[in-house]
Amino acid sequence: MTSFEAFEQVDFDIEINLEANDDVVTFIRLSGPGRESGLLVDQRISVVWTMRDGRVARVRGYRDRAEALDAVNVMKQGPPH
């Protein structure tokens, strides 16, 4: 995952949330200028949150949406946007 210290500012945009039993798959877009270079960084990550008794029990990050969906065995109806 990205080290947030490298950013001057980081914006998080949640693109899609999918529920799959005890898991929630979240597709997130991170963007912001680099602290040293000022160059804009634009990255997408996928996070699987496993819930137990209304609390987060486990968090797993993936760089690829398909990997995150496979991790929770979600049936895909086509590629997520």
Protein backbone atom coordinates (compact mmCIF):
# COMPACT_ATOMS: atom_id res chain seq x y z
CA MET A 1 0.00 0.00 0.00
CA THR A 2 0.96 3.62 -0.35
CA SER A 3 2.80 5.45 2.42
CA PHE A 4 0.63 8.49 3.15
CA GLU A 5 3.62 10.44 4.44
CA ALA A 6 4.73 10.82 0.81
CA PHE A 7 1.63 12.94 0.08
CA GLU A 8 1.13 16.63 0.71
CA GLN A 9 -2.60 15.85 0.95
CA VAL A 10 -4.53 12.62 0.26
CA ASP A 11 -8.11 12.45 -1.03
CA PHE A 12 -10.05 9.20 -0.62
CA ASP A 13 -13.04 8.56 -2.86
CA ILE A 14 -15.08 5.41 -2.30
CA GLU A 15 -16.15 4.24 -5.74
CA ILE A 16 -18.07 1.05 -4.92
CA ASN A 17 -19.08 -0.90 -1.79
CA LEU A 18 -20.23 -4.51 -2.16
CA GLU A 19 -21.51 -6.69 0.68
CA ALA A 20 -20.73 -10.42 0.59
CA ASN A 21 -21.84 -12.26 3.75
CA ASP A 22 -19.50 -11.06 6.55
CA ASP A 23 -17.28 -9.16 4.11
CA VAL A 24 -17.54 -5.71 2.58
CA VAL A 25 -15.47 -5.06 -0.56
CA THR A 26 -14.60 -1.40 -1.06
CA PHE A 27 -13.00 0.07 -4.18
CA ILE A 28 -11.16 3.26 -3.27
CA ARG A 29 -9.43 5.91 -5.35
CA LEU A 30 -6.51 7.70 -3.65
CA SER A 31 -5.20 10.92 -5.13
CA GLY A 32 -3.06 13.83 -4.12
CA PRO A 33 0.16 15.70 -4.83
CA GLY A 34 3.49 14.25 -3.75
CA ARG A 35 5.07 16.07 -0.81
CA GLU A 36 8.49 16.44 -2.46
CA SER A 37 7.73 16.43 -6.19
CA GLY A 38 4.28 17.99 -6.30
CA LEU A 39 3.32 15.39 -8.92
CA LEU A 40 -0.27 14.17 -8.78
CA VAL A 41 -0.61 10.56 -7.67
CA ASP A 42 -3.79 8.74 -8.68
CA GLN A 43 -4.13 5.15 -7.46
CA ARG A 44 -6.97 2.69 -7.03
CA ILE A 45 -6.98 0.07 -4.29
CA SER A 46 -9.45 -2.56 -3.15
CA VAL A 47 -10.07 -3.34 0.50
CA VAL A 48 -11.92 -6.31 2.01
CA TRP A 49 -13.34 -5.64 5.47
CA THR A 50 -14.43 -8.73 7.44
CA MET A 51 -17.05 -7.91 10.04
CA ARG A 52 -17.81 -9.81 13.28
CA ASP A 53 -20.53 -8.70 15.69
CA GLY A 54 -20.73 -5.28 14.02
CA ARG A 55 -16.99 -4.62 14.29
CA VAL A 56 -14.10 -4.84 11.87
CA ALA A 57 -12.30 -8.12 12.54
CA ARG A 58 -9.90 -8.14 9.58
CA VAL A 59 -8.77 -5.80 6.79
CA ARG A 60 -7.06 -6.98 3.61
CA GLY A 61 -5.81 -4.72 0.83
CA TYR A 62 -5.51 -5.61 -2.85
CA ARG A 63 -4.19 -3.70 -5.85
CA ASP A 64 -6.50 -5.51 -8.24
CA ARG A 65 -10.31 -5.48 -8.04
CA ALA A 66 -10.59 -9.03 -9.35
CA GLU A 67 -8.29 -10.31 -6.57
CA ALA A 68 -10.46 -8.68 -3.92
CA LEU A 69 -13.63 -10.15 -5.43
CA ASP A 70 -12.02 -13.58 -5.71
CA ALA A 71 -10.92 -13.34 -2.06
CA VAL A 72 -14.56 -13.22 -0.99
CA ASN A 73 -15.85 -15.46 -3.82
CA VAL A 74 -18.23 -12.82 -5.18
CA MET A 75 -19.91 -13.79 -8.42
CA LYS A 76 -19.03 -11.12 -10.95
CA GLN A 77 -21.73 -9.74 -13.27
CA GLY A 78 -19.07 -8.00 -15.37
CA PRO A 79 -16.19 -5.73 -14.42
CA PRO A 80 -16.90 -3.14 -11.71
CA HIS A 81 -16.61 0.50 -12.83
